Amino acid sequence: MKKTVSLLLCLPMVLAFASCSMSTTKKETTTTKRIEKNKDDDEEKDIEETAKDSEQEDASESTGNKVTFSTTDRDGNTFDSSLFADQDLTLINFWEPWCGPCVSEIPDLQKLYDNYADQGLLVIGVYSEENMEEDVDIVLSDSGVTYPILKYTSAFDIYQSGYVPTTILVDRQGNIIDTGNSYEGLDSTLIVGSRSYSDWEDIVTPYLGE
């Protein structure tokens, strides 16, 4: 459960690494423009201000540890934070179709959803690459995904680590859960890097009903 998360850069077809850097990979993508992170204090302030402005534009906001959003799935159906109330636990996985570790992790997330949905687990996938819809189609088809796949909204900006996949857990009240796992000084509510099925099982089951 406490694996060391590799922060080596990855190419789209390399599945051995745990995560892909958003700040150096796909620099020209929409995602990187929105959430590219820097350790320079001045740049971080700029990012926070940009995220705040974007949240207002999207009529979405997150205050404190509450996760609040409104977006659509690929068919145009609306999803928002009201869905948390119907679940014991919601796992939100931020991924991109060009990231090998993201893609290799999806079948395990699907298996997790299949096995624990009846115990109150909802899995949600979120991606931002709207110019790669065909690639998304292939990934989802190959993985047999049945859990909701939503489009990125700027309300999610503050939950980005600078790497994908990054995952957050949300309770029934909409509060983000601090799992105690942190990396490189990042907020320990952010689960950075891919995990195996057994790792995810260990992480989520303490929060699920019997």
N, C-alpha and C. Protein backbone atom coordinates (compact mmCIF):
# COMPACT_ATOMS: atom_id res chain seq x y z
N MET A 1 0.82 -1.21 0.00
CA MET A 1 0.00 0.00 0.00
C MET A 1 0.85 1.24 0.00
N LYS A 2 2.05 1.16 0.61
CA LYS A 2 2.90 2.34 0.70
C LYS A 2 4.04 2.25 -0.30
N LYS A 3 3.67 1.99 -1.57
CA LYS A 3 4.68 1.91 -2.60
C LYS A 3 5.33 3.26 -2.82
N THR A 4 6.57 3.24 -3.26
CA THR A 4 7.20 4.48 -3.70
C THR A 4 6.66 4.81 -5.08
N VAL A 5 6.14 6.04 -5.26
CA VAL A 5 5.55 6.42 -6.55
C VAL A 5 6.63 6.99 -7.44
N SER A 6 6.85 6.38 -8.58
CA SER A 6 7.88 6.87 -9.49
C SER A 6 7.44 8.15 -10.14
N LEU A 7 8.32 9.14 -10.17
CA LEU A 7 8.02 10.41 -10.81
C LEU A 7 8.82 10.58 -12.10
N LEU A 8 9.33 9.48 -12.65
CA LEU A 8 10.01 9.54 -13.94
C LEU A 8 9.01 9.91 -15.02
N LEU A 9 9.44 10.63 -16.03
CA LEU A 9 8.57 10.98 -17.13
C LEU A 9 8.22 9.73 -17.91
N CYS A 10 7.00 9.73 -18.50
CA CYS A 10 6.62 8.55 -19.26
C CYS A 10 6.21 8.93 -20.66
N LEU A 11 6.41 8.02 -21.59
CA LEU A 11 5.89 8.13 -22.93
C LEU A 11 4.56 7.41 -22.96
N PRO A 12 3.69 7.74 -23.93
CA PRO A 12 2.34 7.15 -23.96
C PRO A 12 2.30 5.64 -23.91
N MET A 13 3.28 4.94 -24.48
CA MET A 13 3.21 3.49 -24.53
C MET A 13 3.99 2.83 -23.41
N VAL A 14 4.60 3.59 -22.52
CA VAL A 14 5.37 3.00 -21.43
C VAL A 14 4.49 2.82 -20.22
N LEU A 15 4.28 1.58 -19.78
CA LEU A 15 3.36 1.29 -18.70
C LEU A 15 4.07 0.98 -17.39
N ALA A 16 5.38 1.02 -17.39
CA ALA A 16 6.11 0.59 -16.20
C ALA A 16 6.12 1.63 -15.09
N PHE A 17 5.96 2.91 -15.42
CA PHE A 17 6.06 3.96 -14.41
C PHE A 17 4.72 4.19 -13.74
N ALA A 18 4.75 4.71 -12.54
CA ALA A 18 3.52 4.89 -11.76
C ALA A 18 2.74 6.12 -12.16
N SER A 19 3.40 7.13 -12.72
CA SER A 19 2.69 8.35 -13.07
C SER A 19 3.38 9.06 -14.21
N CYS A 20 2.66 9.98 -14.84
CA CYS A 20 3.21 10.80 -15.91
C CYS A 20 3.21 12.24 -15.46
N SER A 21 4.30 12.95 -15.73
CA SER A 21 4.39 14.35 -15.36
C SER A 21 3.52 15.19 -16.28
N MET A 22 2.68 16.02 -15.67
CA MET A 22 1.86 16.92 -16.47
C MET A 22 2.64 18.16 -16.86
N SER A 23 3.71 18.49 -16.14
CA SER A 23 4.42 19.73 -16.39
C SER A 23 5.44 19.61 -17.51
N THR A 24 5.85 18.37 -17.84
CA THR A 24 6.84 18.22 -18.90
C THR A 24 6.34 17.36 -20.05
N THR A 25 5.26 16.62 -19.85
CA THR A 25 4.69 15.81 -20.90
C THR A 25 3.46 16.49 -21.44
N LYS A 26 3.30 16.51 -22.78
CA LYS A 26 2.14 17.12 -23.41
C LYS A 26 2.02 18.58 -22.99
N LYS A 27 3.08 19.35 -23.11
CA LYS A 27 3.07 20.72 -22.63
C LYS A 27 2.06 21.59 -23.38
N GLU A 28 1.70 21.19 -24.57
CA GLU A 28 0.79 22.03 -25.34
C GLU A 28 -0.67 21.65 -25.15
N THR A 29 -0.98 20.71 -24.26
CA THR A 29 -2.36 20.28 -24.07
C THR A 29 -3.12 21.24 -23.19
N THR A 30 -4.45 21.13 -23.25
CA THR A 30 -5.32 21.97 -22.44
C THR A 30 -5.07 21.75 -20.96
N THR A 31 -4.85 20.50 -20.59
CA THR A 31 -4.65 20.19 -19.17
C THR A 31 -3.46 20.91 -18.60
N THR A 32 -2.32 20.84 -19.31
CA THR A 32 -1.11 21.44 -18.80
C THR A 32 -1.26 22.94 -18.66
N LYS A 33 -1.95 23.56 -19.59
CA LYS A 33 -2.16 24.99 -19.52
C LYS A 33 -2.96 25.36 -18.28
N ARG A 34 -3.87 24.44 -17.88
CA ARG A 34 -4.71 24.74 -16.72
C ARG A 34 -4.03 24.44 -15.42
N ILE A 35 -3.30 23.31 -15.34
CA ILE A 35 -2.87 22.85 -14.01
C ILE A 35 -1.38 22.64 -13.86
N GLU A 36 -0.57 23.09 -14.83
CA GLU A 36 0.88 22.91 -14.71
C GLU A 36 1.36 23.52 -13.40
N LYS A 37 2.02 22.71 -12.60
CA LYS A 37 2.42 23.14 -11.27
C LYS A 37 3.89 23.45 -11.22
N ASN A 38 4.25 24.39 -10.39
CA ASN A 38 5.62 24.82 -10.22
C ASN A 38 5.88 25.03 -8.75
N LYS A 39 7.10 24.80 -8.29
CA LYS A 39 7.39 24.99 -6.88
C LYS A 39 7.75 26.42 -6.55
N ASP A 40 7.88 27.24 -7.58
CA ASP A 40 8.14 28.65 -7.34
C ASP A 40 6.90 29.29 -6.70
N ASP A 41 7.07 29.99 -5.58
CA ASP A 41 5.94 30.53 -4.83
C ASP A 41 5.10 31.49 -5.67
N ASP A 42 5.75 32.34 -6.45
CA ASP A 42 5.00 33.31 -7.25
C ASP A 42 4.13 32.63 -8.28
N GLU A 43 4.66 31.58 -8.91
CA GLU A 43 3.88 30.87 -9.92
C GLU A 43 2.72 30.13 -9.29
N GLU A 44 2.92 29.60 -8.09
CA GLU A 44 1.83 28.90 -7.42
C GLU A 44 0.70 29.86 -7.08
N LYS A 45 1.05 31.09 -6.70
CA LYS A 45 0.01 32.08 -6.42
C LYS A 45 -0.79 32.38 -7.68
N ASP A 46 -0.10 32.47 -8.82
CA ASP A 46 -0.78 32.73 -10.08
C ASP A 46 -1.74 31.61 -10.42
N ILE A 47 -1.31 30.36 -10.18
CA ILE A 47 -2.16 29.20 -10.47
C ILE A 47 -3.41 29.23 -9.61
N GLU A 48 -3.24 29.55 -8.32
CA GLU A 48 -4.38 29.59 -7.41
C GLU A 48 -5.37 30.66 -7.84
N GLU A 49 -4.86 31.81 -8.27
CA GLU A 49 -5.75 32.88 -8.71
C GLU A 49 -6.48 32.49 -9.99
N THR A 50 -5.77 31.82 -10.90
CA THR A 50 -6.40 31.38 -12.14
C THR A 50 -7.50 30.37 -11.87
N ALA A 51 -7.21 29.41 -10.97
CA ALA A 51 -8.20 28.40 -10.62
C ALA A 51 -9.44 29.04 -10.02
N LYS A 52 -9.21 30.06 -9.17
CA LYS A 52 -10.32 30.73 -8.52
C LYS A 52 -11.22 31.41 -9.54
N ASP A 53 -10.60 32.08 -10.52
CA ASP A 53 -11.36 32.76 -11.57
C ASP A 53 -12.13 31.75 -12.40
N SER A 54 -11.47 30.63 -12.73
CA SER A 54 -12.12 29.62 -13.56
C SER A 54 -13.31 29.00 -12.86
N GLU A 55 -13.20 28.81 -11.55
CA GLU A 55 -14.30 28.23 -10.79
C GLU A 55 -15.53 29.12 -10.86
N GLN A 56 -15.32 30.42 -10.82
CA GLN A 56 -16.44 31.34 -10.91
C GLN A 56 -17.07 31.24 -12.28
N GLU A 57 -16.25 31.12 -13.32
CA GLU A 57 -16.76 31.01 -14.68
C GLU A 57 -17.60 29.77 -14.84
N ASP A 58 -17.22 28.69 -14.19
CA ASP A 58 -17.94 27.42 -14.30
C ASP A 58 -19.09 27.32 -13.32
N ALA A 59 -19.34 28.39 -12.56
CA ALA A 59 -20.39 28.37 -11.52
C ALA A 59 -20.19 27.19 -10.59
N SER A 60 -18.94 26.82 -10.37
CA SER A 60 -18.59 25.73 -9.46
C SER A 60 -17.57 26.25 -8.48
N GLU A 61 -17.56 25.69 -7.28
CA GLU A 61 -16.57 26.12 -6.32
C GLU A 61 -16.25 25.02 -5.34
N SER A 62 -15.09 25.10 -4.75
CA SER A 62 -14.69 24.18 -3.69
C SER A 62 -14.16 25.02 -2.56
N THR A 63 -14.80 24.91 -1.40
CA THR A 63 -14.35 25.68 -0.25
C THR A 63 -13.93 24.71 0.84
N GLY A 64 -12.76 24.97 1.44
CA GLY A 64 -12.26 24.06 2.45
C GLY A 64 -12.01 22.70 1.85
N ASN A 65 -12.48 21.66 2.53
CA ASN A 65 -12.30 20.30 2.04
C ASN A 65 -13.51 19.77 1.29
N LYS A 66 -14.50 20.60 1.06
CA LYS A 66 -15.68 20.19 0.32
C LYS A 66 -15.40 20.14 -1.17
N VAL A 67 -15.81 19.07 -1.82
CA VAL A 67 -15.65 18.94 -3.25
C VAL A 67 -16.97 19.32 -3.92
N THR A 68 -16.93 20.36 -4.73
CA THR A 68 -18.13 20.84 -5.40
C THR A 68 -17.83 20.99 -6.89
N PHE A 69 -18.67 20.40 -7.73
CA PHE A 69 -18.45 20.50 -9.17
C PHE A 69 -19.75 20.27 -9.92
N SER A 70 -19.75 20.65 -11.17
CA SER A 70 -20.83 20.34 -12.09
C SER A 70 -20.22 20.19 -13.47
N THR A 71 -20.46 19.05 -14.11
CA THR A 71 -19.91 18.81 -15.44
C THR A 71 -20.80 17.81 -16.16
N THR A 72 -20.35 17.31 -17.30
CA THR A 72 -21.12 16.33 -18.06
C THR A 72 -20.27 15.12 -18.38
N ASP A 73 -20.96 14.03 -18.72
CA ASP A 73 -20.24 12.88 -19.23
C ASP A 73 -20.10 13.04 -20.75
N ARG A 74 -19.63 12.05 -21.41
CA ARG A 74 -19.36 12.14 -22.84
C ARG A 74 -20.64 12.18 -23.67
N ASP A 75 -21.76 11.83 -23.05
CA ASP A 75 -23.05 11.87 -23.75
C ASP A 75 -23.83 13.14 -23.43
N GLY A 76 -23.23 14.03 -22.65
CA GLY A 76 -23.90 15.28 -22.32
C GLY A 76 -24.77 15.23 -21.08
N ASN A 77 -24.78 14.11 -20.36
CA ASN A 77 -25.55 13.99 -19.13
C ASN A 77 -24.85 14.74 -18.00
N THR A 78 -25.62 15.48 -17.21
CA THR A 78 -25.04 16.30 -16.14
C THR A 78 -24.76 15.48 -14.89
N PHE A 79 -23.59 15.71 -14.32
CA PHE A 79 -23.20 15.12 -13.05
C PHE A 79 -22.72 16.24 -12.15
N ASP A 80 -23.10 16.19 -10.87
CA ASP A 80 -22.60 17.21 -9.94
C ASP A 80 -22.36 16.57 -8.58
N SER A 81 -21.96 17.40 -7.63
CA SER A 81 -21.55 16.89 -6.32
C SER A 81 -22.69 16.32 -5.49
N SER A 82 -23.92 16.46 -5.94
CA SER A 82 -25.04 15.86 -5.21
C SER A 82 -24.95 14.34 -5.21
N LEU A 83 -24.21 13.78 -6.15
CA LEU A 83 -24.12 12.31 -6.24
C LEU A 83 -23.39 11.70 -5.04
N PHE A 84 -22.58 12.50 -4.34
CA PHE A 84 -21.84 11.96 -3.19
C PHE A 84 -22.78 11.42 -2.11
N ALA A 85 -23.94 12.05 -1.95
CA ALA A 85 -24.86 11.68 -0.88
C ALA A 85 -25.41 10.27 -1.03
N ASP A 86 -25.34 9.72 -2.24
CA ASP A 86 -25.87 8.39 -2.49
C ASP A 86 -24.83 7.29 -2.33
N GLN A 87 -23.59 7.67 -1.99
CA GLN A 87 -22.50 6.69 -1.92
C GLN A 87 -21.81 6.77 -0.56
N ASP A 88 -21.27 5.66 -0.11
CA ASP A 88 -20.41 5.70 1.07
C ASP A 88 -19.07 6.34 0.72
N LEU A 89 -18.61 6.06 -0.50
CA LEU A 89 -17.31 6.57 -0.94
C LEU A 89 -17.31 6.76 -2.44
N THR A 90 -16.77 7.90 -2.88
CA THR A 90 -16.60 8.17 -4.31
C THR A 90 -15.12 8.34 -4.60
N LEU A 91 -14.62 7.55 -5.53
CA LEU A 91 -13.23 7.62 -5.96
C LEU A 91 -13.20 8.38 -7.28
N ILE A 92 -12.50 9.51 -7.31
CA ILE A 92 -12.39 10.31 -8.53
C ILE A 92 -10.96 10.20 -9.04
N ASN A 93 -10.83 9.60 -10.21
CA ASN A 93 -9.52 9.32 -10.79
C ASN A 93 -9.29 10.25 -11.99
N PHE A 94 -8.27 11.11 -11.88
CA PHE A 94 -7.91 12.01 -12.97
C PHE A 94 -6.87 11.32 -13.84
N TRP A 95 -7.18 11.16 -15.11
CA TRP A 95 -6.33 10.40 -16.02
C TRP A 95 -6.32 11.06 -17.39
N GLU A 96 -5.41 10.63 -18.24
CA GLU A 96 -5.35 11.10 -19.62
C GLU A 96 -5.04 9.92 -20.54
N PRO A 97 -5.58 9.93 -21.76
CA PRO A 97 -5.39 8.79 -22.66
C PRO A 97 -3.96 8.59 -23.14
N TRP A 98 -3.11 9.62 -23.03
CA TRP A 98 -1.72 9.49 -23.46
C TRP A 98 -0.80 8.97 -22.34
N CYS A 99 -1.34 8.80 -21.15
CA CYS A 99 -0.53 8.38 -19.99
C CYS A 99 -0.62 6.88 -19.79
N GLY A 100 0.51 6.18 -20.00
CA GLY A 100 0.52 4.72 -19.86
C GLY A 100 0.05 4.21 -18.53
N PRO A 101 0.58 4.72 -17.40
CA PRO A 101 0.13 4.24 -16.09
C PRO A 101 -1.37 4.47 -15.86
N CYS A 102 -1.89 5.57 -16.38
CA CYS A 102 -3.33 5.84 -16.25
C CYS A 102 -4.13 4.74 -16.94
N VAL A 103 -3.74 4.46 -18.17
CA VAL A 103 -4.46 3.48 -18.99
C VAL A 103 -4.35 2.09 -18.39
N SER A 104 -3.16 1.72 -17.91
CA SER A 104 -2.97 0.38 -17.37
C SER A 104 -3.71 0.17 -16.05
N GLU A 105 -4.03 1.28 -15.36
CA GLU A 105 -4.72 1.19 -14.08
C GLU A 105 -6.23 1.03 -14.24
N ILE A 106 -6.78 1.47 -15.36
CA ILE A 106 -8.23 1.52 -15.55
C ILE A 106 -8.91 0.15 -15.37
N PRO A 107 -8.39 -0.95 -15.92
CA PRO A 107 -9.05 -2.24 -15.68
C PRO A 107 -9.17 -2.60 -14.20
N ASP A 108 -8.17 -2.24 -13.40
CA ASP A 108 -8.24 -2.51 -11.97
C ASP A 108 -9.30 -1.64 -11.30
N LEU A 109 -9.44 -0.39 -11.75
CA LEU A 109 -10.49 0.47 -11.21
C LEU A 109 -11.87 -0.07 -11.59
N GLN A 110 -11.99 -0.60 -12.81
CA GLN A 110 -13.26 -1.20 -13.22
C GLN A 110 -13.58 -2.42 -12.36
N LYS A 111 -12.59 -3.24 -12.11
CA LYS A 111 -12.79 -4.42 -11.26
C LYS A 111 -13.18 -4.00 -9.85
N LEU A 112 -12.55 -2.96 -9.35
CA LEU A 112 -12.88 -2.44 -8.03
C LEU A 112 -14.33 -1.99 -7.98
N TYR A 113 -14.75 -1.27 -9.01
CA TYR A 113 -16.13 -0.80 -9.11
C TYR A 113 -17.11 -1.98 -9.18
N ASP A 114 -16.79 -2.96 -9.99
CA ASP A 114 -17.64 -4.15 -10.12
C ASP A 114 -17.82 -4.85 -8.78
N ASN A 115 -16.75 -4.96 -8.02
CA ASN A 115 -16.76 -5.75 -6.79
C ASN A 115 -17.33 -5.01 -5.58
N TYR A 116 -17.30 -3.67 -5.61
CA TYR A 116 -17.68 -2.93 -4.41
C TYR A 116 -18.79 -1.89 -4.61
N ALA A 117 -19.35 -1.83 -5.80
CA ALA A 117 -20.45 -0.89 -6.02
C ALA A 117 -21.62 -1.16 -5.10
N ASP A 118 -21.88 -2.44 -4.83
CA ASP A 118 -23.02 -2.78 -3.97
C ASP A 118 -22.72 -2.52 -2.50
N GLN A 119 -21.47 -2.14 -2.18
CA GLN A 119 -21.13 -1.77 -0.81
C GLN A 119 -20.95 -0.25 -0.66
N GLY A 120 -21.37 0.47 -1.70
CA GLY A 120 -21.38 1.93 -1.58
C GLY A 120 -20.24 2.64 -2.25
N LEU A 121 -19.51 1.97 -3.16
CA LEU A 121 -18.40 2.62 -3.87
C LEU A 121 -18.83 3.09 -5.25
N LEU A 122 -18.52 4.35 -5.56
CA LEU A 122 -18.68 4.87 -6.91
C LEU A 122 -17.30 5.26 -7.42
N VAL A 123 -16.96 4.82 -8.61
CA VAL A 123 -15.71 5.22 -9.26
C VAL A 123 -16.07 6.17 -10.39
N ILE A 124 -15.33 7.27 -10.49
CA ILE A 124 -15.52 8.25 -11.56
C ILE A 124 -14.16 8.52 -12.21
N GLY A 125 -14.13 8.50 -13.51
CA GLY A 125 -12.93 8.88 -14.24
C GLY A 125 -13.11 10.27 -14.83
N VAL A 126 -12.08 11.09 -14.78
CA VAL A 126 -12.14 12.45 -15.32
C VAL A 126 -10.93 12.67 -16.22
N TYR A 127 -11.17 13.13 -17.44
CA TYR A 127 -10.08 13.44 -18.36
C TYR A 127 -10.34 14.80 -18.99
N SER A 128 -9.29 15.43 -19.53
CA SER A 128 -9.45 16.77 -20.10
C SER A 128 -9.16 16.84 -21.60
N GLU A 129 -8.58 15.78 -22.17
CA GLU A 129 -8.13 15.84 -23.55
C GLU A 129 -9.28 15.69 -24.54
N GLU A 130 -10.00 16.77 -24.76
CA GLU A 130 -11.15 16.72 -25.67
C GLU A 130 -10.73 16.57 -27.13
N ASN A 131 -9.45 16.80 -27.42
CA ASN A 131 -8.95 16.61 -28.78
C ASN A 131 -8.46 15.19 -29.03
N MET A 132 -8.67 14.30 -28.03
CA MET A 132 -8.22 12.91 -28.15
C MET A 132 -9.37 11.94 -27.90
N GLU A 133 -10.56 12.31 -28.37
CA GLU A 133 -11.75 11.50 -28.09
C GLU A 133 -11.64 10.10 -28.68
N GLU A 134 -11.02 9.96 -29.83
CA GLU A 134 -10.88 8.63 -30.42
C GLU A 134 -10.00 7.74 -29.55
N ASP A 135 -8.94 8.33 -29.00
CA ASP A 135 -8.06 7.58 -28.10
C ASP A 135 -8.81 7.17 -26.83
N VAL A 136 -9.65 8.09 -26.33
CA VAL A 136 -10.46 7.79 -25.15
C VAL A 136 -11.41 6.64 -25.46
N ASP A 137 -12.03 6.67 -26.65
CA ASP A 137 -12.92 5.59 -27.07
C ASP A 137 -12.22 4.24 -27.00
N ILE A 138 -11.01 4.19 -27.53
CA ILE A 138 -10.26 2.93 -27.57
C ILE A 138 -9.94 2.44 -26.17
N VAL A 139 -9.46 3.37 -25.32
CA VAL A 139 -9.11 3.00 -23.94
C VAL A 139 -10.31 2.44 -23.20
N LEU A 140 -11.44 3.13 -23.29
CA LEU A 140 -12.62 2.72 -22.56
C LEU A 140 -13.19 1.41 -23.09
N SER A 141 -13.13 1.24 -24.41
CA SER A 141 -13.63 0.01 -25.01
C SER A 141 -12.76 -1.18 -24.62
N ASP A 142 -11.45 -1.00 -24.70
CA ASP A 142 -10.53 -2.09 -24.37
C ASP A 142 -10.62 -2.48 -22.90
N SER A 143 -10.92 -1.50 -22.04
CA SER A 143 -10.97 -1.75 -20.60
C SER A 143 -12.35 -2.17 -20.11
N GLY A 144 -13.35 -2.09 -20.99
CA GLY A 144 -14.71 -2.47 -20.59
C GLY A 144 -15.29 -1.58 -19.52
N VAL A 145 -15.00 -0.29 -19.59
CA VAL A 145 -15.41 0.64 -18.53
C VAL A 145 -16.92 0.85 -18.51
N THR A 146 -17.49 0.72 -17.30
CA THR A 146 -18.93 0.99 -17.12
C THR A 146 -19.16 2.10 -16.10
N TYR A 147 -18.12 2.51 -15.37
CA TYR A 147 -18.30 3.59 -14.42
C TYR A 147 -18.30 4.93 -15.16
N PRO A 148 -18.85 6.00 -14.57
CA PRO A 148 -18.97 7.27 -15.27
C PRO A 148 -17.61 7.86 -15.65
N ILE A 149 -17.54 8.35 -16.87
CA ILE A 149 -16.36 9.08 -17.36
C ILE A 149 -16.80 10.52 -17.64
N LEU A 150 -16.23 11.44 -16.88
CA LEU A 150 -16.68 12.84 -16.94
C LEU A 150 -15.61 13.73 -17.57
N LYS A 151 -16.07 14.87 -18.05
CA LYS A 151 -15.16 15.85 -18.65
C LYS A 151 -14.64 16.80 -17.57
N TYR A 152 -13.42 17.20 -17.76
CA TYR A 152 -12.74 18.07 -16.79
C TYR A 152 -13.41 19.43 -16.71
N THR A 153 -13.50 19.95 -15.49
CA THR A 153 -13.95 21.32 -15.27
C THR A 153 -12.95 21.99 -14.34
N SER A 154 -12.83 23.30 -14.40
CA SER A 154 -11.83 24.00 -13.60
C SER A 154 -12.07 23.88 -12.10
N ALA A 155 -13.25 23.43 -11.69
CA ALA A 155 -13.49 23.18 -10.26
C ALA A 155 -12.55 22.11 -9.73
N PHE A 156 -12.01 21.28 -10.65
CA PHE A 156 -11.09 20.22 -10.25
C PHE A 156 -9.63 20.69 -10.18
N ASP A 157 -9.36 21.91 -10.57
CA ASP A 157 -7.97 22.37 -10.65
C ASP A 157 -7.21 22.18 -9.34
N ILE A 158 -7.86 22.46 -8.24
CA ILE A 158 -7.14 22.44 -6.95
C ILE A 158 -6.85 21.02 -6.47
N TYR A 159 -7.36 20.02 -7.18
CA TYR A 159 -7.08 18.64 -6.80
C TYR A 159 -6.04 18.01 -7.71
N GLN A 160 -5.28 18.82 -8.42
CA GLN A 160 -4.24 18.32 -9.31
C GLN A 160 -2.89 18.35 -8.63
N SER A 161 -2.08 17.34 -8.89
CA SER A 161 -0.76 17.22 -8.27
C SER A 161 0.35 17.63 -9.22
N GLY A 162 0.02 17.77 -10.50
CA GLY A 162 1.05 17.97 -11.50
C GLY A 162 1.41 16.67 -12.19
N TYR A 163 0.79 15.57 -11.74
CA TYR A 163 1.03 14.25 -12.32
C TYR A 163 -0.31 13.55 -12.53
N VAL A 164 -0.34 12.65 -13.51
CA VAL A 164 -1.49 11.77 -13.69
C VAL A 164 -0.98 10.33 -13.72
N PRO A 165 -1.75 9.36 -13.19
CA PRO A 165 -3.04 9.62 -12.55
C PRO A 165 -2.87 10.22 -11.15
N THR A 166 -3.85 11.04 -10.80
CA THR A 166 -4.02 11.51 -9.43
C THR A 166 -5.45 11.20 -9.03
N THR A 167 -5.64 10.74 -7.82
CA THR A 167 -6.96 10.28 -7.37
C THR A 167 -7.31 10.91 -6.04
N ILE A 168 -8.59 11.24 -5.86
CA ILE A 168 -9.08 11.69 -4.57
C ILE A 168 -10.25 10.81 -4.13
N LEU A 169 -10.43 10.69 -2.82
CA LEU A 169 -11.56 9.97 -2.25
C LEU A 169 -12.48 10.97 -1.56
N VAL A 170 -13.78 10.82 -1.76
CA VAL A 170 -14.77 11.76 -1.22
C VAL A 170 -15.82 10.99 -0.44
N ASP A 171 -16.17 11.48 0.76
CA ASP A 171 -17.17 10.79 1.57
C ASP A 171 -18.59 11.24 1.22
N ARG A 172 -19.57 10.69 1.93
CA ARG A 172 -20.98 10.94 1.65
C ARG A 172 -21.36 12.41 1.79
N GLN A 173 -20.65 13.14 2.64
CA GLN A 173 -20.92 14.56 2.86
C GLN A 173 -20.20 15.46 1.85
N GLY A 174 -19.44 14.87 0.97
CA GLY A 174 -18.71 15.64 -0.03
C GLY A 174 -17.35 16.11 0.44
N ASN A 175 -16.89 15.58 1.57
CA ASN A 175 -15.58 15.95 2.09
C ASN A 175 -14.49 15.08 1.49
N ILE A 176 -13.39 15.71 1.09
CA ILE A 176 -12.27 14.95 0.58
C ILE A 176 -11.56 14.27 1.75
N ILE A 177 -11.20 13.02 1.57
CA ILE A 177 -10.62 12.21 2.63
C ILE A 177 -9.10 12.27 2.59
N ASP A 178 -8.52 12.52 3.75
CA ASP A 178 -7.07 12.51 3.88
C ASP A 178 -6.63 11.09 4.20
N THR A 179 -5.98 10.42 3.25
CA THR A 179 -5.57 9.03 3.45
C THR A 179 -4.25 8.92 4.20
N GLY A 180 -3.58 10.04 4.40
CA GLY A 180 -2.30 10.02 5.09
C GLY A 180 -1.13 9.69 4.20
N ASN A 181 -1.41 9.43 2.91
CA ASN A 181 -0.33 9.14 1.96
C ASN A 181 0.04 10.41 1.21
N SER A 182 1.24 10.90 1.41
CA SER A 182 1.67 12.11 0.72
C SER A 182 2.94 11.83 -0.08
N TYR A 183 3.20 12.69 -1.05
CA TYR A 183 4.40 12.51 -1.86
C TYR A 183 5.02 13.86 -2.17
N GLU A 184 6.32 13.99 -1.95
CA GLU A 184 7.06 15.20 -2.29
C GLU A 184 6.42 16.46 -1.71
N GLY A 185 5.88 16.33 -0.50
CA GLY A 185 5.28 17.49 0.14
C GLY A 185 3.91 17.87 -0.37
N LEU A 186 3.34 17.06 -1.25
CA LEU A 186 2.00 17.34 -1.77
C LEU A 186 0.95 17.05 -0.72
N ASP A 187 -0.21 17.66 -0.88
CA ASP A 187 -1.33 17.44 0.01
C ASP A 187 -1.62 15.95 0.10
N SER A 188 -1.75 15.42 1.31
CA SER A 188 -1.98 13.98 1.47
C SER A 188 -3.40 13.54 1.15
N THR A 189 -4.24 14.48 0.71
CA THR A 189 -5.54 14.08 0.17
C THR A 189 -5.41 13.64 -1.29
N LEU A 190 -4.25 13.89 -1.90
CA LEU A 190 -4.02 13.53 -3.29
C LEU A 190 -3.25 12.21 -3.36
N ILE A 191 -3.83 11.22 -3.99
CA ILE A 191 -3.17 9.93 -4.17
C ILE A 191 -2.50 9.97 -5.54
N VAL A 192 -1.19 10.11 -5.54
CA VAL A 192 -0.45 10.32 -6.77
C VAL A 192 0.08 9.00 -7.31
N GLY A 193 -0.13 8.77 -8.59
CA GLY A 193 0.39 7.56 -9.23
C GLY A 193 -0.63 6.44 -9.28
N SER A 194 -0.34 5.46 -10.11
CA SER A 194 -1.24 4.31 -10.27
C SER A 194 -1.07 3.33 -9.12
N ARG A 195 -2.09 2.51 -8.91
CA ARG A 195 -2.07 1.48 -7.87
C ARG A 195 -2.58 0.16 -8.47
N SER A 196 -2.18 -0.93 -7.87
CA SER A 196 -2.69 -2.24 -8.27
C SER A 196 -4.10 -2.41 -7.68
N TYR A 197 -4.78 -3.45 -8.15
CA TYR A 197 -6.11 -3.73 -7.61
C TYR A 197 -6.07 -3.96 -6.11
N SER A 198 -5.11 -4.75 -5.65
CA SER A 198 -5.05 -5.04 -4.22
C SER A 198 -4.73 -3.80 -3.40
N ASP A 199 -3.92 -2.92 -3.94
CA ASP A 199 -3.63 -1.66 -3.25
C ASP A 199 -4.90 -0.83 -3.12
N TRP A 200 -5.65 -0.72 -4.21
CA TRP A 200 -6.89 0.06 -4.15
C TRP A 200 -7.89 -0.58 -3.19
N GLU A 201 -7.95 -1.88 -3.18
CA GLU A 201 -8.86 -2.58 -2.28
C GLU A 201 -8.52 -2.24 -0.82
N ASP A 202 -7.24 -2.23 -0.50
CA ASP A 202 -6.82 -1.88 0.86
C ASP A 202 -7.17 -0.43 1.21
N ILE A 203 -7.08 0.44 0.23
CA ILE A 203 -7.34 1.86 0.46
C ILE A 203 -8.83 2.15 0.67
N VAL A 204 -9.70 1.55 -0.13
CA VAL A 204 -11.12 1.95 -0.11
C VAL A 204 -11.98 1.18 0.88
N THR A 205 -11.65 -0.08 1.14
CA THR A 205 -12.57 -0.89 1.96
C THR A 205 -12.82 -0.35 3.38
N PRO A 206 -11.86 0.31 4.02
CA PRO A 206 -12.17 0.84 5.36
C PRO A 206 -13.30 1.87 5.38
N TYR A 207 -13.60 2.45 4.23
CA TYR A 207 -14.63 3.49 4.16
C TYR A 207 -15.97 2.99 3.65
N LEU A 208 -16.07 1.69 3.37
CA LEU A 208 -17.28 1.15 2.79
C LEU A 208 -18.13 0.43 3.83
N GLY A 209 -19.44 0.34 3.53
CA GLY A 209 -20.37 -0.38 4.40
C GLY A 209 -20.17 -1.87 4.26
N GLU A 210 -20.72 -2.58 5.22
CA GLU A 210 -20.61 -4.05 5.20
C GLU A 210 -21.56 -4.64 4.18
